[in-house]
Amino acid sequence: MPIPEQRDLEATRGILAGWLAGNLGVDRVEVGPIQGPALTGFSNETLLFDATYTRRGREVTEGLVVRVKPTAHTVFLESDFEWQYQVLDLLGTKTDVPVPVVRGFEADASILGAPFFLMERLDGCRVPADS
């Protein structure tokens, strides 16, 4: 599974809840259990979870994905991590290519140990395995 064993997933849930609350503009966010993709996602650390929050008086639950820049194990010799975010954003806003909606980029490595970006989870998509 592409979540490093050294990451404390319960602590990460709290960290993400605080970050999401500030970035979604809501008061309280509940982050569900964090999982990783079974067969893909090895080029970056990939965190899959549901987040529940109240917006405009309505409770919302949505599937989200956080991709964290690799710090130890890397697939690519040089990785322009922020460029990945920018490409997804451009494809999603300027073309008809079906990509997840990106919701934010965080350059501050002190939050999760490395820069990361947030995107909506697309259920039902088939992603080819890495191996």
N, C-alpha and C. Protein backbone atom coordinates (compact mmCIF):
# COMPACT_ATOMS: atom_id res chain seq x y z
N MET A 1 0.85 -1.18 0.00
CA MET A 1 0.00 0.00 0.00
C MET A 1 0.89 1.23 0.00
N PRO A 2 0.58 2.26 -0.80
CA PRO A 2 1.44 3.42 -0.94
C PRO A 2 1.38 4.43 0.20
N ILE A 3 0.93 4.05 1.37
CA ILE A 3 1.03 4.93 2.53
C ILE A 3 2.21 4.41 3.35
N PRO A 4 3.24 5.23 3.54
CA PRO A 4 4.38 4.74 4.32
C PRO A 4 3.96 4.30 5.72
N GLU A 5 4.54 3.21 6.17
CA GLU A 5 4.18 2.68 7.48
C GLU A 5 4.52 3.65 8.60
N GLN A 6 5.43 4.57 8.40
CA GLN A 6 5.82 5.49 9.45
C GLN A 6 4.82 6.62 9.68
N ARG A 7 3.86 6.82 8.80
CA ARG A 7 2.88 7.89 8.97
C ARG A 7 1.83 7.46 9.99
N ASP A 8 1.60 8.30 10.98
CA ASP A 8 0.55 8.08 11.97
C ASP A 8 -0.77 8.54 11.35
N LEU A 9 -1.60 7.59 10.94
CA LEU A 9 -2.81 7.93 10.20
C LEU A 9 -3.84 8.66 11.07
N GLU A 10 -3.91 8.35 12.35
CA GLU A 10 -4.84 9.07 13.23
C GLU A 10 -4.41 10.52 13.39
N ALA A 11 -3.12 10.76 13.59
CA ALA A 11 -2.63 12.14 13.68
C ALA A 11 -2.84 12.86 12.35
N THR A 12 -2.64 12.16 11.24
CA THR A 12 -2.83 12.76 9.92
C THR A 12 -4.28 13.16 9.72
N ARG A 13 -5.22 12.37 10.22
CA ARG A 13 -6.65 12.73 10.11
C ARG A 13 -6.90 14.07 10.78
N GLY A 14 -6.34 14.27 11.97
CA GLY A 14 -6.52 15.55 12.67
C GLY A 14 -5.87 16.71 11.95
N ILE A 15 -4.69 16.48 11.43
CA ILE A 15 -3.97 17.53 10.69
C ILE A 15 -4.77 17.92 9.45
N LEU A 16 -5.24 16.92 8.71
CA LEU A 16 -6.00 17.21 7.50
C LEU A 16 -7.32 17.90 7.83
N ALA A 17 -7.97 17.51 8.92
CA ALA A 17 -9.23 18.16 9.31
C ALA A 17 -9.01 19.65 9.55
N GLY A 18 -7.95 20.01 10.24
CA GLY A 18 -7.65 21.42 10.48
C GLY A 18 -7.31 22.16 9.21
N TRP A 19 -6.51 21.53 8.36
CA TRP A 19 -6.12 22.17 7.10
C TRP A 19 -7.34 22.36 6.20
N LEU A 20 -8.16 21.32 6.10
CA LEU A 20 -9.36 21.41 5.26
C LEU A 20 -10.32 22.48 5.77
N ALA A 21 -10.50 22.56 7.08
CA ALA A 21 -11.42 23.58 7.64
C ALA A 21 -10.98 24.97 7.21
N GLY A 22 -9.70 25.24 7.29
CA GLY A 22 -9.20 26.55 6.87
C GLY A 22 -9.28 26.79 5.38
N ASN A 23 -9.09 25.74 4.60
CA ASN A 23 -9.05 25.89 3.14
C ASN A 23 -10.41 25.73 2.47
N LEU A 24 -11.36 25.08 3.15
CA LEU A 24 -12.71 24.97 2.61
C LEU A 24 -13.60 26.10 3.11
N GLY A 25 -13.12 26.84 4.10
CA GLY A 25 -13.89 27.93 4.66
C GLY A 25 -15.06 27.47 5.50
N VAL A 26 -14.88 26.35 6.21
CA VAL A 26 -15.92 25.83 7.10
C VAL A 26 -15.35 25.70 8.51
N ASP A 27 -16.23 25.59 9.50
CA ASP A 27 -15.78 25.55 10.89
C ASP A 27 -15.26 24.19 11.32
N ARG A 28 -15.94 23.15 10.96
CA ARG A 28 -15.61 21.82 11.47
C ARG A 28 -15.57 20.82 10.33
N VAL A 29 -14.51 20.04 10.28
CA VAL A 29 -14.39 18.98 9.28
C VAL A 29 -14.08 17.68 10.01
N GLU A 30 -14.77 16.64 9.63
CA GLU A 30 -14.47 15.31 10.14
C GLU A 30 -13.87 14.50 9.01
N VAL A 31 -12.66 14.00 9.22
CA VAL A 31 -11.97 13.19 8.22
C VAL A 31 -12.12 11.74 8.61
N GLY A 32 -12.64 10.95 7.69
CA GLY A 32 -12.82 9.52 7.92
C GLY A 32 -11.50 8.78 7.84
N PRO A 33 -11.56 7.46 7.99
CA PRO A 33 -10.33 6.66 7.91
C PRO A 33 -9.58 6.88 6.61
N ILE A 34 -8.27 6.90 6.71
CA ILE A 34 -7.41 7.12 5.54
C ILE A 34 -6.97 5.77 4.99
N GLN A 35 -7.06 5.66 3.67
CA GLN A 35 -6.60 4.46 2.98
C GLN A 35 -5.67 4.87 1.85
N GLY A 36 -5.03 3.88 1.27
CA GLY A 36 -4.22 4.11 0.08
C GLY A 36 -4.75 3.28 -1.05
N PRO A 37 -4.45 3.65 -2.29
CA PRO A 37 -4.88 2.84 -3.43
C PRO A 37 -4.20 1.48 -3.39
N ALA A 38 -4.91 0.45 -3.82
CA ALA A 38 -4.39 -0.91 -3.72
C ALA A 38 -3.30 -1.20 -4.74
N LEU A 39 -3.45 -0.73 -5.97
CA LEU A 39 -2.55 -1.16 -7.04
C LEU A 39 -1.81 -0.04 -7.74
N THR A 40 -1.99 1.18 -7.32
CA THR A 40 -1.38 2.31 -8.03
C THR A 40 -1.08 3.41 -7.01
N GLY A 41 -0.43 4.48 -7.47
CA GLY A 41 -0.15 5.60 -6.59
C GLY A 41 1.22 5.57 -5.96
N PHE A 42 2.16 4.84 -6.57
CA PHE A 42 3.47 4.70 -5.95
C PHE A 42 4.44 5.82 -6.29
N SER A 43 4.09 6.71 -7.22
CA SER A 43 4.99 7.81 -7.55
C SER A 43 4.90 8.92 -6.50
N ASN A 44 3.79 8.99 -5.79
CA ASN A 44 3.59 9.94 -4.69
C ASN A 44 2.86 9.19 -3.58
N GLU A 45 2.98 9.67 -2.38
CA GLU A 45 2.16 9.12 -1.30
C GLU A 45 0.73 9.57 -1.56
N THR A 46 -0.21 8.65 -1.55
CA THR A 46 -1.60 8.94 -1.88
C THR A 46 -2.50 8.58 -0.71
N LEU A 47 -3.24 9.57 -0.21
CA LEU A 47 -4.14 9.38 0.92
C LEU A 47 -5.58 9.55 0.45
N LEU A 48 -6.40 8.51 0.60
CA LEU A 48 -7.80 8.54 0.20
C LEU A 48 -8.66 8.57 1.45
N PHE A 49 -9.68 9.44 1.46
CA PHE A 49 -10.55 9.54 2.63
C PHE A 49 -11.82 10.28 2.27
N ASP A 50 -12.81 10.18 3.15
CA ASP A 50 -14.03 10.98 3.05
C ASP A 50 -13.94 12.09 4.08
N ALA A 51 -14.43 13.26 3.72
CA ALA A 51 -14.49 14.39 4.64
C ALA A 51 -15.95 14.83 4.74
N THR A 52 -16.40 15.09 5.97
CA THR A 52 -17.76 15.57 6.21
C THR A 52 -17.67 16.93 6.88
N TYR A 53 -18.47 17.88 6.38
CA TYR A 53 -18.48 19.23 6.94
C TYR A 53 -19.83 19.86 6.66
N THR A 54 -20.10 20.99 7.30
CA THR A 54 -21.34 21.72 7.06
C THR A 54 -21.02 22.99 6.31
N ARG A 55 -21.72 23.17 5.20
CA ARG A 55 -21.55 24.37 4.39
C ARG A 55 -22.94 24.94 4.08
N ARG A 56 -23.12 26.20 4.42
CA ARG A 56 -24.40 26.89 4.20
C ARG A 56 -25.57 26.13 4.80
N GLY A 57 -25.35 25.58 6.00
CA GLY A 57 -26.40 24.88 6.72
C GLY A 57 -26.68 23.47 6.24
N ARG A 58 -25.89 22.97 5.31
CA ARG A 58 -26.10 21.64 4.76
C ARG A 58 -24.88 20.76 5.00
N GLU A 59 -25.10 19.55 5.52
CA GLU A 59 -23.99 18.63 5.74
C GLU A 59 -23.56 18.02 4.40
N VAL A 60 -22.27 18.04 4.16
CA VAL A 60 -21.69 17.56 2.91
C VAL A 60 -20.65 16.50 3.24
N THR A 61 -20.69 15.38 2.53
CA THR A 61 -19.63 14.37 2.62
C THR A 61 -19.10 14.16 1.21
N GLU A 62 -17.79 14.25 1.09
CA GLU A 62 -17.18 14.04 -0.23
C GLU A 62 -15.90 13.23 -0.12
N GLY A 63 -15.64 12.46 -1.17
CA GLY A 63 -14.41 11.70 -1.25
C GLY A 63 -13.29 12.59 -1.74
N LEU A 64 -12.17 12.56 -1.04
CA LEU A 64 -11.03 13.41 -1.38
C LEU A 64 -9.75 12.58 -1.47
N VAL A 65 -8.77 13.16 -2.13
CA VAL A 65 -7.46 12.55 -2.27
C VAL A 65 -6.41 13.60 -1.97
N VAL A 66 -5.43 13.23 -1.16
CA VAL A 66 -4.27 14.08 -0.94
C VAL A 66 -3.08 13.34 -1.53
N ARG A 67 -2.33 14.03 -2.37
CA ARG A 67 -1.09 13.47 -2.91
C ARG A 67 0.06 14.24 -2.29
N VAL A 68 0.96 13.51 -1.65
CA VAL A 68 2.07 14.10 -0.92
C VAL A 68 3.36 13.85 -1.70
N LYS A 69 4.15 14.90 -1.83
CA LYS A 69 5.43 14.79 -2.54
C LYS A 69 6.31 13.76 -1.83
N PRO A 70 6.91 12.85 -2.58
CA PRO A 70 7.77 11.85 -1.96
C PRO A 70 9.03 12.49 -1.38
N THR A 71 9.46 11.97 -0.25
CA THR A 71 10.67 12.50 0.38
C THR A 71 11.79 11.46 0.45
N ALA A 72 11.44 10.20 0.55
CA ALA A 72 12.48 9.17 0.65
C ALA A 72 12.52 8.35 -0.63
N HIS A 73 11.51 7.51 -0.83
CA HIS A 73 11.42 6.69 -2.04
C HIS A 73 10.87 7.54 -3.18
N THR A 74 11.56 7.55 -4.30
CA THR A 74 11.05 8.28 -5.46
C THR A 74 11.10 7.38 -6.68
N VAL A 75 10.09 7.48 -7.52
CA VAL A 75 10.04 6.72 -8.76
C VAL A 75 10.83 7.45 -9.84
N PHE A 76 10.73 8.77 -9.85
CA PHE A 76 11.40 9.58 -10.87
C PHE A 76 12.64 10.24 -10.29
N LEU A 77 13.70 10.37 -11.12
CA LEU A 77 14.93 11.00 -10.64
C LEU A 77 14.67 12.45 -10.26
N GLU A 78 13.94 13.16 -11.09
CA GLU A 78 13.56 14.54 -10.78
C GLU A 78 12.05 14.65 -10.93
N SER A 79 11.42 15.19 -9.91
CA SER A 79 9.97 15.30 -9.95
C SER A 79 9.58 16.74 -9.65
N ASP A 80 8.90 17.37 -10.59
CA ASP A 80 8.39 18.71 -10.36
C ASP A 80 6.97 18.54 -9.83
N PHE A 81 6.86 18.38 -8.53
CA PHE A 81 5.60 18.02 -7.89
C PHE A 81 4.52 19.07 -8.11
N GLU A 82 4.85 20.34 -7.95
CA GLU A 82 3.84 21.38 -8.13
C GLU A 82 3.34 21.42 -9.58
N TRP A 83 4.19 21.06 -10.52
CA TRP A 83 3.80 21.01 -11.92
C TRP A 83 2.68 19.99 -12.14
N GLN A 84 2.72 18.86 -11.41
CA GLN A 84 1.64 17.87 -11.52
C GLN A 84 0.30 18.50 -11.16
N TYR A 85 0.30 19.27 -10.08
CA TYR A 85 -0.91 19.98 -9.66
C TYR A 85 -1.36 20.96 -10.75
N GLN A 86 -0.43 21.72 -11.27
CA GLN A 86 -0.76 22.74 -12.28
C GLN A 86 -1.32 22.10 -13.56
N VAL A 87 -0.76 20.97 -13.97
CA VAL A 87 -1.24 20.29 -15.17
C VAL A 87 -2.67 19.79 -14.95
N LEU A 88 -2.93 19.16 -13.80
CA LEU A 88 -4.30 18.71 -13.51
C LEU A 88 -5.27 19.88 -13.49
N ASP A 89 -4.85 21.00 -12.90
CA ASP A 89 -5.71 22.18 -12.83
C ASP A 89 -6.00 22.71 -14.24
N LEU A 90 -4.98 22.82 -15.06
CA LEU A 90 -5.18 23.32 -16.43
C LEU A 90 -6.06 22.37 -17.26
N LEU A 91 -5.81 21.07 -17.15
CA LEU A 91 -6.63 20.11 -17.89
C LEU A 91 -8.08 20.20 -17.45
N GLY A 92 -8.31 20.35 -16.15
CA GLY A 92 -9.66 20.40 -15.63
C GLY A 92 -10.41 21.67 -15.94
N THR A 93 -9.70 22.79 -16.04
CA THR A 93 -10.37 24.08 -16.26
C THR A 93 -10.36 24.53 -17.71
N LYS A 94 -9.43 24.03 -18.51
CA LYS A 94 -9.28 24.54 -19.88
C LYS A 94 -9.59 23.51 -20.97
N THR A 95 -9.88 22.26 -20.58
CA THR A 95 -10.14 21.22 -21.58
C THR A 95 -11.33 20.37 -21.14
N ASP A 96 -11.70 19.43 -22.00
CA ASP A 96 -12.75 18.47 -21.67
C ASP A 96 -12.17 17.15 -21.16
N VAL A 97 -10.88 17.11 -20.90
CA VAL A 97 -10.24 15.89 -20.40
C VAL A 97 -10.80 15.60 -19.00
N PRO A 98 -11.30 14.38 -18.78
CA PRO A 98 -11.87 14.06 -17.46
C PRO A 98 -10.77 13.82 -16.41
N VAL A 99 -10.51 14.81 -15.60
CA VAL A 99 -9.54 14.71 -14.52
C VAL A 99 -10.22 15.13 -13.22
N PRO A 100 -9.69 14.71 -12.07
CA PRO A 100 -10.27 15.16 -10.81
C PRO A 100 -10.13 16.68 -10.65
N VAL A 101 -11.10 17.29 -10.01
CA VAL A 101 -11.01 18.71 -9.70
C VAL A 101 -9.97 18.88 -8.59
N VAL A 102 -8.96 19.70 -8.86
CA VAL A 102 -7.96 19.97 -7.82
C VAL A 102 -8.48 21.11 -6.95
N ARG A 103 -8.28 20.97 -5.65
CA ARG A 103 -8.88 21.91 -4.71
C ARG A 103 -7.87 22.78 -3.99
N GLY A 104 -6.59 22.46 -4.09
CA GLY A 104 -5.60 23.30 -3.43
C GLY A 104 -4.23 22.67 -3.41
N PHE A 105 -3.23 23.54 -3.36
CA PHE A 105 -1.83 23.12 -3.26
C PHE A 105 -1.26 23.71 -1.98
N GLU A 106 -0.52 22.90 -1.23
CA GLU A 106 0.11 23.37 0.01
C GLU A 106 1.62 23.16 -0.12
N ALA A 107 2.36 24.26 -0.16
CA ALA A 107 3.82 24.20 -0.28
C ALA A 107 4.52 24.03 1.07
N ASP A 108 3.82 24.32 2.17
CA ASP A 108 4.41 24.27 3.50
C ASP A 108 4.62 22.82 3.92
N ALA A 109 5.87 22.38 3.90
CA ALA A 109 6.21 20.99 4.24
C ALA A 109 6.01 20.66 5.71
N SER A 110 5.84 21.65 6.56
CA SER A 110 5.69 21.37 7.99
C SER A 110 4.33 20.75 8.32
N ILE A 111 3.37 20.83 7.44
CA ILE A 111 2.03 20.31 7.73
C ILE A 111 1.99 18.79 7.66
N LEU A 112 2.42 18.21 6.54
CA LEU A 112 2.42 16.75 6.39
C LEU A 112 3.82 16.17 6.17
N GLY A 113 4.84 16.99 6.32
CA GLY A 113 6.19 16.52 6.12
C GLY A 113 6.72 16.75 4.72
N ALA A 114 5.87 17.22 3.83
CA ALA A 114 6.25 17.53 2.44
C ALA A 114 5.09 18.29 1.82
N PRO A 115 5.34 19.02 0.73
CA PRO A 115 4.23 19.68 0.03
C PRO A 115 3.19 18.64 -0.41
N PHE A 116 1.95 19.10 -0.58
CA PHE A 116 0.89 18.20 -1.01
C PHE A 116 -0.18 18.98 -1.75
N PHE A 117 -1.03 18.24 -2.48
CA PHE A 117 -2.20 18.88 -3.08
C PHE A 117 -3.43 18.03 -2.84
N LEU A 118 -4.56 18.70 -2.86
CA LEU A 118 -5.87 18.09 -2.60
C LEU A 118 -6.67 18.06 -3.88
N MET A 119 -7.34 16.94 -4.12
CA MET A 119 -8.24 16.84 -5.26
C MET A 119 -9.43 15.99 -4.89
N GLU A 120 -10.49 16.14 -5.67
CA GLU A 120 -11.68 15.33 -5.46
C GLU A 120 -11.40 13.91 -5.92
N ARG A 121 -12.02 12.94 -5.25
CA ARG A 121 -11.86 11.54 -5.65
C ARG A 121 -12.91 11.22 -6.71
N LEU A 122 -12.48 10.57 -7.77
CA LEU A 122 -13.39 10.13 -8.82
C LEU A 122 -13.65 8.65 -8.61
N ASP A 123 -14.83 8.31 -8.16
CA ASP A 123 -15.18 6.90 -7.96
C ASP A 123 -15.57 6.28 -9.29
N GLY A 124 -15.27 5.00 -9.43
CA GLY A 124 -15.67 4.28 -10.62
C GLY A 124 -14.67 4.33 -11.76
N CYS A 125 -13.59 5.06 -11.59
CA CYS A 125 -12.57 5.13 -12.64
C CYS A 125 -11.64 3.93 -12.51
N ARG A 126 -11.21 3.43 -13.64
CA ARG A 126 -10.24 2.35 -13.63
C ARG A 126 -8.86 2.92 -13.91
N VAL A 127 -7.97 2.74 -12.95
CA VAL A 127 -6.62 3.25 -13.07
C VAL A 127 -5.69 2.06 -13.25
N PRO A 128 -4.85 2.07 -14.28
CA PRO A 128 -3.96 0.93 -14.48
C PRO A 128 -3.00 0.78 -13.31
N ALA A 129 -2.69 -0.47 -12.97
CA ALA A 129 -1.76 -0.78 -11.89
C ALA A 129 -0.35 -0.31 -12.25
N ASP A 130 0.46 -0.03 -11.22
CA ASP A 130 1.82 0.43 -11.44
C ASP A 130 2.76 -0.68 -11.91
N SER A 131 2.45 -1.91 -11.55
CA SER A 131 3.37 -2.99 -11.92
C SER A 131 2.84 -3.84 -13.04
